[in-house]
PDB file of N, CA and C in Angstrom:
ATOM      1  N   MET A   1      -2.592-120.691 -95.712  1.00  0.00           N
ATOM      2  CA  MET A   1      -1.625-121.410 -95.540  1.00  0.00           C
ATOM      3  C   MET A   1      -2.149-123.258 -95.809  1.00  0.00           C
ATOM      4  N   SER A   2      -1.821-123.393 -96.917  1.00  0.00           N
ATOM      5  CA  SER A   2      -1.240-124.858 -97.393  1.00  0.00           C
ATOM      6  C   SER A   2      -1.399-125.963 -96.400  1.00  0.00           C
ATOM      7  N   LYS A   3      -2.535-127.191 -96.424  1.00  0.00           N
ATOM      8  CA  LYS A   3      -2.102-128.458 -95.693  1.00  0.00           C
ATOM      9  C   LYS A   3      -2.132-129.670 -96.137  1.00  0.00           C
ATOM     10  N   PHE A   4      -1.976-130.295 -95.561  1.00  0.00           N
ATOM     11  CA  PHE A   4      -1.979-131.894 -95.635  1.00  0.00           C
ATOM     12  C   PHE A   4      -2.507-132.645 -95.046  1.00  0.00           C
ATOM     13  N   GLU A   5      -3.735-133.157 -95.717  1.00  0.00           N
ATOM     14  CA  GLU A   5      -4.971-133.780 -95.071  1.00  0.00           C
ATOM     15  C   GLU A   5      -5.038-135.512 -94.933  1.00  0.00           C
ATOM     16  N   ILE A   6      -4.329-136.349 -94.107  1.00  0.00           N
ATOM     17  CA  ILE A   6      -4.692-137.535 -94.103  1.00  0.00           C
ATOM     18  C   ILE A   6      -6.047-138.271 -93.847  1.00  0.00           C
ATOM     19  N   PHE A   7      -6.510-139.103 -95.179  1.00  0.00           N
ATOM     20  CA  PHE A   7      -7.686-140.038 -94.906  1.00  0.00           C
ATOM     21  C   PHE A   7      -8.077-141.454 -95.287  1.00  0.00           C
ATOM     22  N   THR A   8      -9.122-141.899 -94.478  1.00  0.00           N
ATOM     23  CA  THR A   8      -9.053-143.093 -95.363  1.00  0.00           C
ATOM     24  C   THR A   8      -9.706-143.634 -95.582  1.00  0.00           C
ATOM     25  N   ASP A   9      -9.460-144.501 -96.876  1.00  0.00           N
ATOM     26  CA  ASP A   9     -10.803-144.944 -97.920  1.00  0.00           C
ATOM     27  C   ASP A   9     -11.824-146.140 -97.029  1.00  0.00           C
ATOM     28  N   ASN A  10     -12.420-146.826 -98.305  1.00  0.00           N
ATOM     29  CA  ASN A  10     -13.640-147.352 -97.212  1.00  0.00           C
ATOM     30  C   ASN A  10     -13.394-148.722 -97.201  1.00  0.00           C
ATOM     31  N   THR A  11     -11.739-149.303 -97.151  1.00  0.00           N
ATOM     32  CA  THR A  11     -11.106-150.528 -96.997  1.00  0.00           C
ATOM     33  C   THR A  11     -10.584-150.561 -95.828  1.00  0.00           C
ATOM     34  N   GLY A  12      -9.742-148.680 -95.508  1.00  0.00           N
ATOM     35  CA  GLY A  12      -9.264-148.795 -93.843  1.00  0.00           C
ATOM     36  C   GLY A  12      -8.062-148.442 -94.404  1.00  0.00           C
ATOM     37  N   LYS A  13      -7.814-148.345 -95.496  1.00  0.00           N
ATOM     38  CA  LYS A  13      -6.291-147.770 -96.298  1.00  0.00           C
ATOM     39  C   LYS A  13      -6.535-145.956 -96.034  1.00  0.00           C
ATOM     40  N   TYR A  14      -5.080-145.817 -96.041  1.00  0.00           N
ATOM     41  CA  TYR A  14      -4.584-144.204 -95.923  1.00  0.00           C
ATOM     42  C   TYR A  14      -4.156-143.779 -97.094  1.00  0.00           C
ATOM     43  N   SER A  15      -4.263-142.970 -96.775  1.00  0.00           N
ATOM     44  CA  SER A  15      -3.822-142.158 -98.251  1.00  0.00           C
ATOM     45  C   SER A  15      -3.865-140.295 -98.209  1.00  0.00           C
ATOM     46  N   PHE A  16      -3.153-139.204 -98.361  1.00  0.00           N
ATOM     47  CA  PHE A  16      -3.174-137.849 -98.485  1.00  0.00           C
ATOM     48  C   PHE A  16      -3.438-137.074 -99.619  1.00  0.00           C
ATOM     49  N   ARG A  17      -3.881-135.816 -99.250  1.00  0.00           N
ATOM     50  CA  ARG A  17      -3.968-135.067-100.443  1.00  0.00           C
ATOM     51  C   ARG A  17      -3.200-133.652 -99.318  1.00  0.00           C
ATOM     52  N   LEU A  18      -3.066-132.634-100.284  1.00  0.00           N
ATOM     53  CA  LEU A  18      -2.189-131.921-100.648  1.00  0.00           C
ATOM     54  C   LEU A  18      -3.301-130.577-100.618  1.00  0.00           C
ATOM     55  N   ARG A  19      -3.494-129.380 -99.984  1.00  0.00           N
ATOM     56  CA  ARG A  19      -4.449-128.360-100.128  1.00  0.00           C
ATOM     57  C   ARG A  19      -3.829-127.272-100.417  1.00  0.00           C
ATOM     58  N   ALA A  20      -4.123-126.572-101.256  1.00  0.00           N
ATOM     59  CA  ALA A  20      -3.626-125.011-101.832  1.00  0.00           C
ATOM     60  C   ALA A  20      -4.122-124.392-100.651  1.00  0.00           C
ATOM     61  N   ARG A  21      -3.601-122.819-100.157  1.00  0.00           N
ATOM     62  CA  ARG A  21      -4.672-121.850 -99.071  1.00  0.00           C
ATOM     63  C   ARG A  21      -5.938-121.800 -99.720  1.00  0.00           C
ATOM     64  N   ASN A  22      -6.297-121.668-101.381  1.00  0.00           N
ATOM     65  CA  ASN A  22      -6.876-121.236-101.371  1.00  0.00           C
ATOM     66  C   ASN A  22      -8.711-123.030-101.329  1.00  0.00           C
ATOM     67  N   GLY A  23      -8.552-123.693-101.125  1.00  0.00           N
ATOM     68  CA  GLY A  23      -9.060-125.253-100.732  1.00  0.00           C
ATOM     69  C   GLY A  23      -8.390-125.872-101.350  1.00  0.00           C
ATOM     70  N   GLU A  24      -8.172-125.542-102.546  1.00  0.00           N
ATOM     71  CA  GLU A  24      -8.145-126.619-104.018  1.00  0.00           C
ATOM     72  C   GLU A  24      -6.877-127.790-103.724  1.00  0.00           C
ATOM     73  N   ILE A  25      -6.927-129.281-104.582  1.00  0.00           N
ATOM     74  CA  ILE A  25      -6.661-130.171-103.876  1.00  0.00           C
ATOM     75  C   ILE A  25      -5.221-129.956-105.385  1.00  0.00           C
ATOM     76  N   ILE A  26      -4.373-130.004-104.946  1.00  0.00           N
ATOM     77  CA  ILE A  26      -2.731-129.740-105.984  1.00  0.00           C
ATOM     78  C   ILE A  26      -2.523-130.791-105.542  1.00  0.00           C
ATOM     79  N   ALA A  27      -2.267-132.040-104.937  1.00  0.00           N
ATOM     80  CA  ALA A  27      -1.570-133.107-105.057  1.00  0.00           C
ATOM     81  C   ALA A  27      -2.475-134.387-103.746  1.00  0.00           C
ATOM     82  N   THR A  28      -2.018-135.694-104.543  1.00  0.00           N
ATOM     83  CA  THR A  28      -2.379-136.476-103.822  1.00  0.00           C
ATOM     84  C   THR A  28      -1.252-137.706-103.323  1.00  0.00           C
ATOM     85  N   GLY A  29      -1.500-138.493-102.907  1.00  0.00           N
ATOM     86  CA  GLY A  29      -0.601-139.108-102.737  1.00  0.00           C
ATOM     87  C   GLY A  29      -1.377-140.775-103.163  1.00  0.00           C
ATOM     88  N   GLN A  30      -0.146-141.732-103.155  1.00  0.00           N
ATOM     89  CA  GLN A  30      -0.079-143.173-103.154  1.00  0.00           C
ATOM     90  C   GLN A  30      -1.367-143.960-102.098  1.00  0.00           C
ATOM     91  N   VAL A  31      -1.236-144.550-101.743  1.00  0.00           N
ATOM     92  CA  VAL A  31      -2.610-145.563-100.836  1.00  0.00           C
ATOM     93  C   VAL A  31      -1.525-146.297 -99.914  1.00  0.00           C
ATOM     94  N   TYR A  32      -1.763-146.627 -98.635  1.00  0.00           N
ATOM     95  CA  TYR A  32      -0.611-147.037 -97.554  1.00  0.00           C
ATOM     96  C   TYR A  32      -1.322-147.587 -96.455  1.00  0.00           C
ATOM     97  N   THR A  33      -0.995-149.032 -96.546  1.00  0.00           N
ATOM     98  CA  THR A  33      -1.692-149.545 -95.078  1.00  0.00           C
ATOM     99  C   THR A  33      -1.700-149.555 -94.258  1.00  0.00           C
ATOM    100  N   SER A  34      -0.733-148.193 -93.291  1.00  0.00           N
ATOM    101  CA  SER A  34      -0.838-147.658 -92.054  1.00  0.00           C
ATOM    102  C   SER A  34      -0.666-146.193 -92.036  1.00  0.00           C
ATOM    103  N   LYS A  35      -1.100-145.778 -91.187  1.00  0.00           N
ATOM    104  CA  LYS A  35      -0.440-144.308 -90.706  1.00  0.00           C
ATOM    105  C   LYS A  35       0.567-143.553 -91.085  1.00  0.00           C
ATOM    106  N   ALA A  36       1.502-144.636 -90.318  1.00  0.00           N
ATOM    107  CA  ALA A  36       2.444-144.421 -90.364  1.00  0.00           C
ATOM    108  C   ALA A  36       3.565-144.032 -91.570  1.00  0.00           C
ATOM    109  N   GLY A  37       3.188-145.151 -92.457  1.00  0.00           N
ATOM    110  CA  GLY A  37       3.380-144.950 -93.741  1.00  0.00           C
ATOM    111  C   GLY A  37       3.264-144.550 -94.749  1.00  0.00           C
ATOM    112  N   CYS A  38       1.841-143.693 -94.699  1.00  0.00           N
ATOM    113  CA  CYS A  38       1.184-142.065 -94.988  1.00  0.00           C
ATOM    114  C   CYS A  38       1.973-141.043 -94.286  1.00  0.00           C
ATOM    115  N   LEU A  39       1.574-141.099 -93.207  1.00  0.00           N
ATOM    116  CA  LEU A  39       3.344-139.657 -92.806  1.00  0.00           C
ATOM    117  C   LEU A  39       4.495-140.224 -92.972  1.00  0.00           C
ATOM    118  N   LYS A  40       5.001-140.802 -93.570  1.00  0.00           N
ATOM    119  CA  LYS A  40       6.306-141.219 -93.940  1.00  0.00           C
ATOM    120  C   LYS A  40       6.307-140.232 -95.377  1.00  0.00           C
ATOM    121  N   GLY A  41       4.956-141.213 -96.103  1.00  0.00           N
ATOM    122  CA  GLY A  41       5.139-140.387 -97.285  1.00  0.00           C
ATOM    123  C   GLY A  41       4.489-138.747 -97.374  1.00  0.00           C
ATOM    124  N   ILE A  42       4.408-137.910 -96.857  1.00  0.00           N
ATOM    125  CA  ILE A  42       4.198-136.768 -96.216  1.00  0.00           C
ATOM    126  C   ILE A  42       5.472-136.185 -96.644  1.00  0.00           C
ATOM    127  N   GLU A  43       6.157-136.997 -95.335  1.00  0.00           N
ATOM    128  CA  GLU A  43       7.611-136.033 -95.175  1.00  0.00           C
ATOM    129  C   GLU A  43       8.847-136.366 -96.351  1.00  0.00           C
ATOM    130  N   SER A  44       8.221-137.345 -97.121  1.00  0.00           N
ATOM    131  CA  SER A  44       9.111-137.503 -98.633  1.00  0.00           C
ATOM    132  C   SER A  44       8.748-136.389 -99.326  1.00  0.00           C
ATOM    133  N   VAL A  45       8.020-135.948 -99.567  1.00  0.00           N
ATOM    134  CA  VAL A  45       6.844-134.608-100.566  1.00  0.00           C
ATOM    135  C   VAL A  45       7.763-133.446 -99.791  1.00  0.00           C
ATOM    136  N   LYS A  46       7.497-132.951 -98.428  1.00  0.00           N
ATOM    137  CA  LYS A  46       8.128-132.458 -97.611  1.00  0.00           C
ATOM    138  C   LYS A  46       9.457-132.157 -98.033  1.00  0.00           C
ATOM    139  N   LYS A  47      10.304-133.683 -98.008  1.00  0.00           N
ATOM    140  CA  LYS A  47      12.117-133.389 -98.447  1.00  0.00           C
ATOM    141  C   LYS A  47      12.078-133.070 -99.564  1.00  0.00           C
ATOM    142  N   ASN A  48      11.524-133.974-100.585  1.00  0.00           N
ATOM    143  CA  ASN A  48      11.923-134.158-101.993  1.00  0.00           C
ATOM    144  C   ASN A  48      11.508-132.986-103.212  1.00  0.00           C
ATOM    145  N   ALA A  49      10.356-132.704-102.476  1.00  0.00           N
ATOM    146  CA  ALA A  49       9.432-131.553-103.833  1.00  0.00           C
ATOM    147  C   ALA A  49      10.176-129.973-103.864  1.00  0.00           C
ATOM    148  N   PRO A  50      11.163-129.850-102.984  1.00  0.00           N
ATOM    149  CA  PRO A  50      12.046-127.988-103.072  1.00  0.00           C
ATOM    150  C   PRO A  50      12.745-128.665-104.214  1.00  0.00           C
ATOM    151  N   LEU A  51      13.804-129.726-104.296  1.00  0.00           N
ATOM    152  CA  LEU A  51      14.434-130.117-105.324  1.00  0.00           C
ATOM    153  C   LEU A  51      13.809-130.615-106.629  1.00  0.00           C
ATOM    154  N   ALA A  52      12.550-131.560-107.019  1.00  0.00           N
ATOM    155  CA  ALA A  52      12.362-131.761-108.277  1.00  0.00           C
ATOM    156  C   ALA A  52      12.606-130.995-108.926  1.00  0.00           C
ATOM    157  N   LYS A  53      13.126-131.455-110.424  1.00  0.00           N
ATOM    158  CA  LYS A  53      12.990-130.826-111.821  1.00  0.00           C
ATOM    159  C   LYS A  53      11.782-131.250-112.100  1.00  0.00           C
ATOM    160  N   VAL A  54      11.480-130.208-113.177  1.00  0.00           N
ATOM    161  CA  VAL A  54       9.843-130.221-113.757  1.00  0.00           C
ATOM    162  C   VAL A  54      10.711-130.787-115.062  1.00  0.00           C
ATOM    163  N   VAL A  55       9.973-131.708-115.592  1.00  0.00           N
ATOM    164  CA  VAL A  55       9.953-132.433-117.044  1.00  0.00           C
ATOM    165  C   VAL A  55       8.943-132.516-118.054  1.00  0.00           C
ATOM    166  N   GLU A  56       8.935-132.411-119.022  1.00  0.00           N
ATOM    167  CA  GLU A  56       7.623-133.148-119.801  1.00  0.00           C
ATOM    168  C   GLU A  56       8.182-134.411-120.558  1.00  0.00           C
ATOM    169  N   ILE A  57       6.959-134.998-120.951  1.00  0.00           N
ATOM    170  CA  ILE A  57       7.194-136.270-121.068  1.00  0.00           C
ATOM    171  C   ILE A  57       6.018-135.995-121.899  1.00  0.00           C
ATOM    172  N   LYS A  58       5.862-136.289-123.629  1.00  0.00           N
ATOM    173  CA  LYS A  58       5.001-136.090-124.173  1.00  0.00           C
ATOM    174  C   LYS A  58       4.784-137.573-125.025  1.00  0.00           C
ATOM    175  N   ASN A  59       3.800-137.914-124.834  1.00  0.00           N
ATOM    176  CA  ASN A  59       3.150-139.027-125.346  1.00  0.00           C
ATOM    177  C   ASN A  59       3.167-140.262-124.284  1.00  0.00           C
ATOM    178  N   ALA A  60       2.718-139.546-122.790  1.00  0.00           N
ATOM    179  CA  ALA A  60       2.570-140.671-121.754  1.00  0.00           C
ATOM    180  C   ALA A  60       1.361-141.245-121.487  1.00  0.00           C
ATOM    181  N   LEU A  61       0.907-141.200-122.165  1.00  0.00           N
ATOM    182  CA  LEU A  61      -0.379-142.235-121.806  1.00  0.00           C
ATOM    183  C   LEU A  61      -0.349-143.091-123.469  1.00  0.00           C
ATOM    184  N   LYS A  62       0.493-142.885-124.108  1.00  0.00           N
ATOM    185  CA  LYS A  62       0.653-143.670-124.869  1.00  0.00           C
ATOM    186  C   LYS A  62       1.280-145.532-124.780  1.00  0.00           C
TER     187      LYS A  62
END
């Protein structure tokens, strides 16, 4: 089963990553100052991802 992992960096800020069943990281979250904020970010992904469109952006790095 896929899972969200919450972790802290060396400054004590929170982030999350989403791992697929095979253990590969398939998404990462931004950095949050609180665990509560990180949990809200996870809930937002859970809520909004099924509705997200797929769009192609050409030359995004320019």
